[in-house]
Structure formats: C-alpha cells, structure tokens
PDB file of N, CA and C in Angstrom:
ATOM      1  N   UNK A   1     -18.224 -15.427-214.959  1.00  0.00           N
ATOM      2  CA  UNK A   1     -17.484 -15.270-213.708  1.00  0.00           C
ATOM      3  C   UNK A   1     -18.132 -16.137-212.638  1.00  0.00           C
ATOM      4  N   UNK A   2     -17.332 -16.924-211.889  1.00  0.00           N
ATOM      5  CA  UNK A   2     -17.915 -17.807-210.879  1.00  0.00           C
ATOM      6  C   UNK A   2     -18.537 -17.023-209.732  1.00  0.00           C
ATOM      7  N   UNK A   3     -19.544 -17.626-209.124  1.00  0.00           N
ATOM      8  CA  UNK A   3     -20.210 -17.018-207.982  1.00  0.00           C
ATOM      9  C   UNK A   3     -19.335 -17.210-206.742  1.00  0.00           C
ATOM     10  N   UNK A   4     -18.694 -16.154-206.295  1.00  0.00           N
ATOM     11  CA  UNK A   4     -17.809 -16.219-205.140  1.00  0.00           C
ATOM     12  C   UNK A   4     -18.625 -15.852-203.905  1.00  0.00           C
ATOM     13  N   UNK A   5     -18.613 -16.734-202.930  1.00  0.00           N
ATOM     14  CA  UNK A   5     -19.374 -16.499-201.719  1.00  0.00           C
ATOM     15  C   UNK A   5     -18.642 -15.492-200.838  1.00  0.00           C
ATOM     16  N   UNK A   6     -19.382 -14.511-200.356  1.00  0.00           N
ATOM     17  CA  UNK A   6     -18.792 -13.485-199.504  1.00  0.00           C
ATOM     18  C   UNK A   6     -18.555 -13.972-198.082  1.00  0.00           C
ATOM     19  N   UNK A   7     -19.239 -15.040-197.691  1.00  0.00           N
ATOM     20  CA  UNK A   7     -19.160 -15.514-196.308  1.00  0.00           C
ATOM     21  C   UNK A   7     -18.843 -17.019-196.271  1.00  0.00           C
ATOM     22  N   UNK A   8     -17.634 -17.403-196.629  1.00  0.00           N
ATOM     23  CA  UNK A   8     -17.305 -18.829-196.711  1.00  0.00           C
ATOM     24  C   UNK A   8     -17.335 -19.557-195.361  1.00  0.00           C
ATOM     25  N   UNK A   9     -16.942 -18.883-194.282  1.00  0.00           N
ATOM     26  CA  UNK A   9     -16.952 -19.547-192.983  1.00  0.00           C
ATOM     27  C   UNK A   9     -18.380 -19.757-192.478  1.00  0.00           C
ATOM     28  N   UNK A  10     -19.231 -18.786-192.709  1.00  0.00           N
ATOM     29  CA  UNK A  10     -20.649 -18.928-192.336  1.00  0.00           C
ATOM     30  C   UNK A  10     -21.269 -20.075-193.112  1.00  0.00           C
ATOM     31  N   UNK A  11     -20.952 -20.195-194.397  1.00  0.00           N
ATOM     32  CA  UNK A  11     -21.471 -21.295-195.201  1.00  0.00           C
ATOM     33  C   UNK A  11     -20.954 -22.638-194.704  1.00  0.00           C
ATOM     34  N   UNK A  12     -19.671 -22.698-194.367  1.00  0.00           N
ATOM     35  CA  UNK A  12     -19.096 -23.941-193.844  1.00  0.00           C
ATOM     36  C   UNK A  12     -19.778 -24.320-192.524  1.00  0.00           C
ATOM     37  N   UNK A  13     -19.971 -23.331-191.663  1.00  0.00           N
ATOM     38  CA  UNK A  13     -20.642 -23.586-190.390  1.00  0.00           C
ATOM     39  C   UNK A  13     -22.057 -24.110-190.633  1.00  0.00           C
ATOM     40  N   UNK A  14     -22.773 -23.519-191.567  1.00  0.00           N
ATOM     41  CA  UNK A  14     -24.120 -23.990-191.895  1.00  0.00           C
ATOM     42  C   UNK A  14     -24.101 -25.435-192.382  1.00  0.00           C
ATOM     43  N   UNK A  15     -23.102 -25.781-193.198  1.00  0.00           N
ATOM     44  CA  UNK A  15     -23.012 -27.138-193.746  1.00  0.00           C
ATOM     45  C   UNK A  15     -22.711 -28.184-192.675  1.00  0.00           C
ATOM     46  N   UNK A  16     -21.932 -27.832-191.658  1.00  0.00           N
ATOM     47  CA  UNK A  16     -21.530 -28.812-190.638  1.00  0.00           C
ATOM     48  C   UNK A  16     -22.329 -28.685-189.348  1.00  0.00           C
ATOM     49  N   UNK A  17     -23.292 -27.813-189.314  1.00  0.00           N
ATOM     50  CA  UNK A  17     -24.031 -27.526-188.088  1.00  0.00           C
ATOM     51  C   UNK A  17     -24.667 -28.772-187.468  1.00  0.00           C
ATOM     52  N   UNK A  18     -25.374 -29.560-188.247  1.00  0.00           N
ATOM     53  CA  UNK A  18     -26.037 -30.753-187.711  1.00  0.00           C
ATOM     54  C   UNK A  18     -25.012 -31.746-187.166  1.00  0.00           C
ATOM     55  N   UNK A  19     -23.959 -31.974-187.930  1.00  0.00           N
ATOM     56  CA  UNK A  19     -22.922 -32.910-187.502  1.00  0.00           C
ATOM     57  C   UNK A  19     -22.213 -32.398-186.249  1.00  0.00           C
ATOM     58  N   UNK A  20     -21.919 -31.119-186.218  1.00  0.00           N
ATOM     59  CA  UNK A  20     -21.264 -30.515-185.063  1.00  0.00           C
ATOM     60  C   UNK A  20     -22.126 -30.674-183.813  1.00  0.00           C
ATOM     61  N   UNK A  21     -23.418 -30.450-183.958  1.00  0.00           N
ATOM     62  CA  UNK A  21     -24.344 -30.595-182.832  1.00  0.00           C
ATOM     63  C   UNK A  21     -24.372 -32.048-182.351  1.00  0.00           C
ATOM     64  N   UNK A  22     -24.365 -32.993-183.279  1.00  0.00           N
ATOM     65  CA  UNK A  22     -24.376 -34.407-182.923  1.00  0.00           C
ATOM     66  C   UNK A  22     -23.108 -34.787-182.161  1.00  0.00           C
ATOM     67  N   UNK A  23     -21.970 -34.327-182.630  1.00  0.00           N
ATOM     68  CA  UNK A  23     -20.702 -34.627-181.954  1.00  0.00           C
ATOM     69  C   UNK A  23     -20.689 -34.014-180.552  1.00  0.00           C
ATOM     70  N   UNK A  24     -21.146 -32.761-180.432  1.00  0.00           N
ATOM     71  CA  UNK A  24     -21.178 -32.100-179.120  1.00  0.00           C
ATOM     72  C   UNK A  24     -22.106 -32.846-178.162  1.00  0.00           C
ATOM     73  N   UNK A  25     -23.238 -33.297-178.661  1.00  0.00           N
ATOM     74  CA  UNK A  25     -24.167 -34.063-177.822  1.00  0.00           C
ATOM     75  C   UNK A  25     -23.539 -35.375-177.372  1.00  0.00           C
ATOM     76  N   UNK A  26     -22.827 -36.034-178.261  1.00  0.00           N
ATOM     77  CA  UNK A  26     -22.157 -37.280-177.909  1.00  0.00           C
ATOM     78  C   UNK A  26     -21.100 -37.040-176.828  1.00  0.00           C
ATOM     79  N   UNK A  27     -20.302 -35.995-176.979  1.00  0.00           N
ATOM     80  CA  UNK A  27     -19.278 -35.694-175.978  1.00  0.00           C
ATOM     81  C   UNK A  27     -19.907 -35.405-174.621  1.00  0.00           C
ATOM     82  N   UNK A  28     -21.002 -34.662-174.630  1.00  0.00           N
ATOM     83  CA  UNK A  28     -21.706 -34.364-173.382  1.00  0.00           C
ATOM     84  C   UNK A  28     -22.255 -35.649-172.759  1.00  0.00           C
ATOM     85  N   UNK A  29     -22.818 -36.522-173.577  1.00  0.00           N
ATOM     86  CA  UNK A  29     -23.356 -37.795-173.101  1.00  0.00           C
ATOM     87  C   UNK A  29     -22.252 -38.647-172.475  1.00  0.00           C
ATOM     88  N   UNK A  30     -21.081 -38.707-173.133  1.00  0.00           N
ATOM     89  CA  UNK A  30     -19.995 -39.530-172.584  1.00  0.00           C
ATOM     90  C   UNK A  30     -19.546 -39.005-171.223  1.00  0.00           C
ATOM     91  N   UNK A  31     -19.573 -37.693-171.041  1.00  0.00           N
ATOM     92  CA  UNK A  31     -19.185 -37.118-169.750  1.00  0.00           C
ATOM     93  C   UNK A  31     -20.239 -37.400-168.684  1.00  0.00           C
ATOM     94  N   UNK A  32     -21.497 -37.115-169.013  1.00  0.00           N
ATOM     95  CA  UNK A  32     -22.559 -37.213-168.006  1.00  0.00           C
ATOM     96  C   UNK A  32     -22.959 -38.646-167.684  1.00  0.00           C
ATOM     97  N   UNK A  33     -23.056 -39.479-168.696  1.00  0.00           N
ATOM     98  CA  UNK A  33     -23.568 -40.840-168.483  1.00  0.00           C
ATOM     99  C   UNK A  33     -22.471 -41.881-168.252  1.00  0.00           C
ATOM    100  N   UNK A  34     -21.290 -41.641-168.819  1.00  0.00           N
ATOM    101  CA  UNK A  34     -20.225 -42.632-168.736  1.00  0.00           C
ATOM    102  C   UNK A  34     -19.029 -42.175-167.909  1.00  0.00           C
ATOM    103  N   UNK A  35     -19.028 -40.901-167.502  1.00  0.00           N
ATOM    104  CA  UNK A  35     -17.931 -40.390-166.688  1.00  0.00           C
ATOM    105  C   UNK A  35     -16.620 -40.237-167.457  1.00  0.00           C
ATOM    106  N   UNK A  36     -16.701 -40.159-168.766  1.00  0.00           N
ATOM    107  CA  UNK A  36     -15.498 -40.022-169.587  1.00  0.00           C
ATOM    108  C   UNK A  36     -15.239 -38.558-169.896  1.00  0.00           C
ATOM    109  N   UNK A  37     -13.980 -38.226-170.094  1.00  0.00           N
ATOM    110  CA  UNK A  37     -13.645 -36.869-170.522  1.00  0.00           C
ATOM    111  C   UNK A  37     -12.425 -36.933-171.439  1.00  0.00           C
ATOM    112  N   UNK A  38     -12.301 -35.918-172.266  1.00  0.00           N
ATOM    113  CA  UNK A  38     -11.135 -35.830-173.134  1.00  0.00           C
ATOM    114  C   UNK A  38      -9.931 -35.442-172.288  1.00  0.00           C
ATOM    115  N   UNK A  39      -8.805 -36.061-172.572  1.00  0.00           N
ATOM    116  CA  UNK A  39      -7.584 -35.779-171.814  1.00  0.00           C
ATOM    117  C   UNK A  39      -6.432 -35.501-172.765  1.00  0.00           C
ATOM    118  N   UNK A  40      -5.388 -34.915-172.198  1.00  0.00           N
ATOM    119  CA  UNK A  40      -4.167 -34.655-172.942  1.00  0.00           C
ATOM    120  C   UNK A  40      -2.985 -35.027-172.053  1.00  0.00           C
ATOM    121  N   UNK A  41      -1.830 -35.302-172.654  1.00  0.00           N
ATOM    122  CA  UNK A  41      -0.666 -35.667-171.842  1.00  0.00           C
ATOM    123  C   UNK A  41      -0.293 -34.529-170.891  1.00  0.00           C
ATOM    124  N   UNK A  42       0.026 -34.897-169.653  1.00  0.00           N
ATOM    125  CA  UNK A  42       0.488 -33.906-168.671  1.00  0.00           C
ATOM    126  C   UNK A  42       1.830 -33.358-169.098  1.00  0.00           C
ATOM    127  N   UNK A  43       2.756 -34.245-169.360  1.00  0.00           N
ATOM    128  CA  UNK A  43       4.070 -33.912-169.902  1.00  0.00           C
ATOM    129  C   UNK A  43       4.446 -35.054-170.832  1.00  0.00           C
ATOM    130  N   UNK A  44       5.064 -34.751-171.942  1.00  0.00           N
ATOM    131  CA  UNK A  44       5.362 -35.812-172.918  1.00  0.00           C
ATOM    132  C   UNK A  44       6.149 -36.988-172.355  1.00  0.00           C
ATOM    133  N   UNK A  45       7.013 -36.740-171.375  1.00  0.00           N
ATOM    134  CA  UNK A  45       7.857 -37.819-170.868  1.00  0.00           C
ATOM    135  C   UNK A  45       7.140 -38.723-169.859  1.00  0.00           C
ATOM    136  N   UNK A  46       5.922 -38.373-169.448  1.00  0.00           N
ATOM    137  CA  UNK A  46       5.188 -39.177-168.479  1.00  0.00           C
ATOM    138  C   UNK A  46       3.951 -39.794-169.128  1.00  0.00           C
ATOM    139  N   UNK A  47       3.473 -40.849-168.559  1.00  0.00           N
ATOM    140  CA  UNK A  47       2.249 -41.491-169.037  1.00  0.00           C
ATOM    141  C   UNK A  47       1.047 -41.011-168.215  1.00  0.00           C
ATOM    142  N   UNK A  48       1.073 -39.738-167.829  1.00  0.00           N
ATOM    143  CA  UNK A  48      -0.012 -39.155-167.056  1.00  0.00           C
ATOM    144  C   UNK A  48      -0.870 -38.304-167.980  1.00  0.00           C
ATOM    145  N   UNK A  49      -2.139 -38.299-167.696  1.00  0.00           N
ATOM    146  CA  UNK A  49      -3.063 -37.505-168.504  1.00  0.00           C
ATOM    147  C   UNK A  49      -3.911 -36.625-167.598  1.00  0.00           C
ATOM    148  N   UNK A  50      -4.240 -35.462-168.108  1.00  0.00           N
ATOM    149  CA  UNK A  50      -5.088 -34.517-167.382  1.00  0.00           C
ATOM    150  C   UNK A  50      -6.253 -34.133-168.286  1.00  0.00           C
ATOM    151  N   UNK A  51      -7.389 -33.748-167.689  1.00  0.00           N
ATOM    152  CA  UNK A  51      -8.536 -33.351-168.518  1.00  0.00           C
ATOM    153  C   UNK A  51      -8.191 -32.197-169.461  1.00  0.00           C
ATOM    154  N   UNK A  52      -8.730 -32.276-170.630  1.00  0.00           N
ATOM    155  CA  UNK A  52      -8.561 -31.250-171.662  1.00  0.00           C
ATOM    156  C   UNK A  52      -9.657 -30.215-171.443  1.00  0.00           C
ATOM    157  N   UNK A  53      -9.279 -28.960-171.194  1.00  0.00           N
ATOM    158  CA  UNK A  53     -10.258 -27.957-170.774  1.00  0.00           C
ATOM    159  C   UNK A  53     -10.689 -26.973-171.857  1.00  0.00           C
ATOM    160  N   UNK A  54     -10.371 -27.226-173.103  1.00  0.00           N
ATOM    161  CA  UNK A  54     -10.848 -26.327-174.164  1.00  0.00           C
ATOM    162  C   UNK A  54     -12.366 -26.498-174.301  1.00  0.00           C
ATOM    163  N   UNK A  55     -13.027 -25.445-174.708  1.00  0.00           N
ATOM    164  CA  UNK A  55     -14.474 -25.545-174.870  1.00  0.00           C
ATOM    165  C   UNK A  55     -14.803 -26.469-176.040  1.00  0.00           C
ATOM    166  N   UNK A  56     -15.961 -27.088-175.955  1.00  0.00           N
ATOM    167  CA  UNK A  56     -16.404 -27.953-177.053  1.00  0.00           C
ATOM    168  C   UNK A  56     -16.508 -27.160-178.348  1.00  0.00           C
ATOM    169  N   UNK A  57     -17.029 -25.940-178.237  1.00  0.00           N
ATOM    170  CA  UNK A  57     -17.188 -25.110-179.431  1.00  0.00           C
ATOM    171  C   UNK A  57     -15.850 -24.886-180.125  1.00  0.00           C
ATOM    172  N   UNK A  58     -14.838 -24.497-179.369  1.00  0.00           N
ATOM    173  CA  UNK A  58     -13.521 -24.258-179.962  1.00  0.00           C
ATOM    174  C   UNK A  58     -12.946 -25.528-180.569  1.00  0.00           C
ATOM    175  N   UNK A  59     -13.111 -26.631-179.876  1.00  0.00           N
ATOM    176  CA  UNK A  59     -12.603 -27.907-180.370  1.00  0.00           C
ATOM    177  C   UNK A  59     -13.293 -28.309-181.677  1.00  0.00           C
ATOM    178  N   UNK A  60     -14.603 -28.175-181.719  1.00  0.00           N
ATOM    179  CA  UNK A  60     -15.348 -28.516-182.933  1.00  0.00           C
ATOM    180  C   UNK A  60     -15.012 -27.573-184.084  1.00  0.00           C
ATOM    181  N   UNK A  61     -14.880 -26.306-183.792  1.00  0.00           N
ATOM    182  CA  UNK A  61     -14.550 -25.358-184.863  1.00  0.00           C
ATOM    183  C   UNK A  61     -13.154 -25.645-185.410  1.00  0.00           C
ATOM    184  N   UNK A  62     -12.229 -26.010-184.543  1.00  0.00           N
ATOM    185  CA  UNK A  62     -10.898 -26.380-185.008  1.00  0.00           C
ATOM    186  C   UNK A  62     -10.976 -27.624-185.893  1.00  0.00           C
ATOM    187  N   UNK A  63     -11.766 -28.613-185.469  1.00  0.00           N
ATOM    188  CA  UNK A  63     -11.922 -29.837-186.255  1.00  0.00           C
ATOM    189  C   UNK A  63     -12.480 -29.543-187.649  1.00  0.00           C
ATOM    190  N   UNK A  64     -13.449 -28.632-187.713  1.00  0.00           N
ATOM    191  CA  UNK A  64     -14.067 -28.288-188.990  1.00  0.00           C
ATOM    192  C   UNK A  64     -13.342 -27.144-189.711  1.00  0.00           C
ATOM    193  N   UNK A  65     -12.182 -26.758-189.193  1.00  0.00           N
ATOM    194  CA  UNK A  65     -11.344 -25.724-189.807  1.00  0.00           C
ATOM    195  C   UNK A  65     -12.082 -24.400-189.974  1.00  0.00           C
ATOM    196  N   UNK A  66     -12.713 -23.967-188.887  1.00  0.00           N
ATOM    197  CA  UNK A  66     -13.429 -22.689-188.868  1.00  0.00           C
ATOM    198  C   UNK A  66     -12.791 -21.818-187.802  1.00  0.00           C
ATOM    199  N   UNK A  67     -12.213 -20.719-188.225  1.00  0.00           N
ATOM    200  CA  UNK A  67     -11.572 -19.769-187.318  1.00  0.00           C
ATOM    201  C   UNK A  67     -12.674 -18.914-186.680  1.00  0.00           C
ATOM    202  N   UNK A  68     -12.812 -19.009-185.351  1.00  0.00           N
ATOM    203  CA  UNK A  68     -13.898 -18.304-184.672  1.00  0.00           C
ATOM    204  C   UNK A  68     -13.809 -16.788-184.795  1.00  0.00           C
ATOM    205  N   UNK A  69     -12.621 -16.223-184.742  1.00  0.00           N
ATOM    206  CA  UNK A  69     -12.507 -14.765-184.863  1.00  0.00           C
ATOM    207  C   UNK A  69     -12.826 -14.317-186.285  1.00  0.00           C
ATOM    208  N   UNK A  70     -12.409 -15.096-187.283  1.00  0.00           N
ATOM    209  CA  UNK A  70     -12.745 -14.762-188.668  1.00  0.00           C
ATOM    210  C   UNK A  70     -14.250 -14.917-188.907  1.00  0.00           C
ATOM    211  N   UNK A  71     -14.854 -15.920-188.293  1.00  0.00           N
ATOM    212  CA  UNK A  71     -16.304 -16.101-188.402  1.00  0.00           C
ATOM    213  C   UNK A  71     -17.033 -14.918-187.779  1.00  0.00           C
ATOM    214  N   UNK A  72     -16.564 -14.464-186.643  1.00  0.00           N
ATOM    215  CA  UNK A  72     -17.171 -13.301-185.994  1.00  0.00           C
ATOM    216  C   UNK A  72     -17.053 -12.059-186.883  1.00  0.00           C
ATOM    217  N   UNK A  73     -15.912 -11.901-187.550  1.00  0.00           N
ATOM    218  CA  UNK A  73     -15.747 -10.774-188.473  1.00  0.00           C
ATOM    219  C   UNK A  73     -16.742 -10.859-189.621  1.00  0.00           C
ATOM    220  N   UNK A  74     -16.945 -12.065-190.147  1.00  0.00           N
ATOM    221  CA  UNK A  74     -17.937 -12.249-191.215  1.00  0.00           C
ATOM    222  C   UNK A  74     -19.328 -11.861-190.723  1.00  0.00           C
ATOM    223  N   UNK A  75     -19.672 -12.270-189.510  1.00  0.00           N
ATOM    224  CA  UNK A  75     -20.996 -11.951-188.969  1.00  0.00           C
ATOM    225  C   UNK A  75     -21.174 -10.440-188.805  1.00  0.00           C
ATOM    226  N   UNK A  76     -20.127  -9.774-188.341  1.00  0.00           N
ATOM    227  CA  UNK A  76     -20.197  -8.305-188.210  1.00  0.00           C
ATOM    228  C   UNK A  76     -20.388  -7.646-189.568  1.00  0.00           C
ATOM    229  N   UNK A  77     -19.672  -8.151-190.562  1.00  0.00           N
ATOM    230  CA  UNK A  77     -19.803  -7.627-191.915  1.00  0.00           C
ATOM    231  C   UNK A  77     -21.235  -7.811-192.437  1.00  0.00           C
ATOM    232  N   UNK A  78     -21.829  -8.963-192.152  1.00  0.00           N
ATOM    233  CA  UNK A  78     -23.202  -9.215-192.572  1.00  0.00           C
ATOM    234  C   UNK A  78     -24.165  -8.222-191.908  1.00  0.00           C
ATOM    235  N   UNK A  79     -23.974  -7.993-190.620  1.00  0.00           N
ATOM    236  CA  UNK A  79     -24.843  -7.064-189.901  1.00  0.00           C
ATOM    237  C   UNK A  79     -24.685  -5.649-190.470  1.00  0.00           C
ATOM    238  N   UNK A  80     -23.451  -5.235-190.733  1.00  0.00           N
ATOM    239  CA  UNK A  80     -23.211  -3.905-191.311  1.00  0.00           C
ATOM    240  C   UNK A  80     -23.901  -3.764-192.665  1.00  0.00           C
ATOM    241  N   UNK A  81     -23.770  -4.782-193.510  1.00  0.00           N
ATOM    242  CA  UNK A  81     -24.390  -4.722-194.833  1.00  0.00           C
ATOM    243  C   UNK A  81     -25.902  -4.668-194.741  1.00  0.00           C
ATOM    244  N   UNK A  82     -26.480  -5.412-193.810  1.00  0.00           N
ATOM    245  CA  UNK A  82     -27.928  -5.401-193.656  1.00  0.00           C
ATOM    246  C   UNK A  82     -28.417  -4.063-193.122  1.00  0.00           C
ATOM    247  N   UNK A  83     -27.644  -3.472-192.207  1.00  0.00           N
ATOM    248  CA  UNK A  83     -28.078  -2.177-191.655  1.00  0.00           C
ATOM    249  C   UNK A  83     -27.958  -1.066-192.697  1.00  0.00           C
ATOM    250  N   UNK A  84     -26.980  -1.181-193.609  1.00  0.00           N
ATOM    251  CA  UNK A  84     -26.859  -0.195-194.684  1.00  0.00           C
ATOM    252  C   UNK A  84     -27.983  -0.351-195.699  1.00  0.00           C
ATOM    253  N   UNK A  85     -28.431  -1.570-195.928  1.00  0.00           N
ATOM    254  CA  UNK A  85     -29.482  -1.829-196.901  1.00  0.00           C
ATOM    255  C   UNK A  85     -30.857  -1.420-196.372  1.00  0.00           C
ATOM    256  N   UNK A  86     -30.990  -1.332-195.039  1.00  0.00           N
ATOM    257  CA  UNK A  86     -32.301  -1.019-194.452  1.00  0.00           C
ATOM    258  C   UNK A  86     -32.628   0.444-194.509  1.00  0.00           C
TER     259      UNK A  86
END
C-alpha cells in the first residue's frame, strides 16, 4: 500500500518555502527600491490600472496552489493529533 501523506498542503508549503520567500523578497524589493507595484485593470474597457491590494501571502499561495483555509485545517489537525499523543 502506498504511503499516503496526511498533510499534503503542509508538505507542498515546505517544498516551496524557499522559493516563495525569494519571490516575496523580490516583490518587496521592487516596491521599496524601484517604486514598482503590481496592478490590475481598473475596468476592462479602459487602459487604466490600479494597484493590486491582495496580500503577498495570498498571492503566493494561489500561485503555488495552496488553499490557506485548507492549510489551516491541516495545521489544526496536526495540533490535535499531537495533543492526543502527549
């Protein structure tokens, strides 16, 4: 029987953690040192753009296909299991 991981999102987060941190640092650097920010269209019919205000964490988790609420549920499950084992 294959070894099925009980916490797939936590494992995915662990695997992409270094890369995610590097991307977040780069985005912060572009804002602070270069005055750049991520933008999105104001309205599709106009060529106007407004700053994109989603948090970096949410944006990175979406990019890496990690659902934050599901990850939080996994973390709670881990804490419950550890407290039962203690």
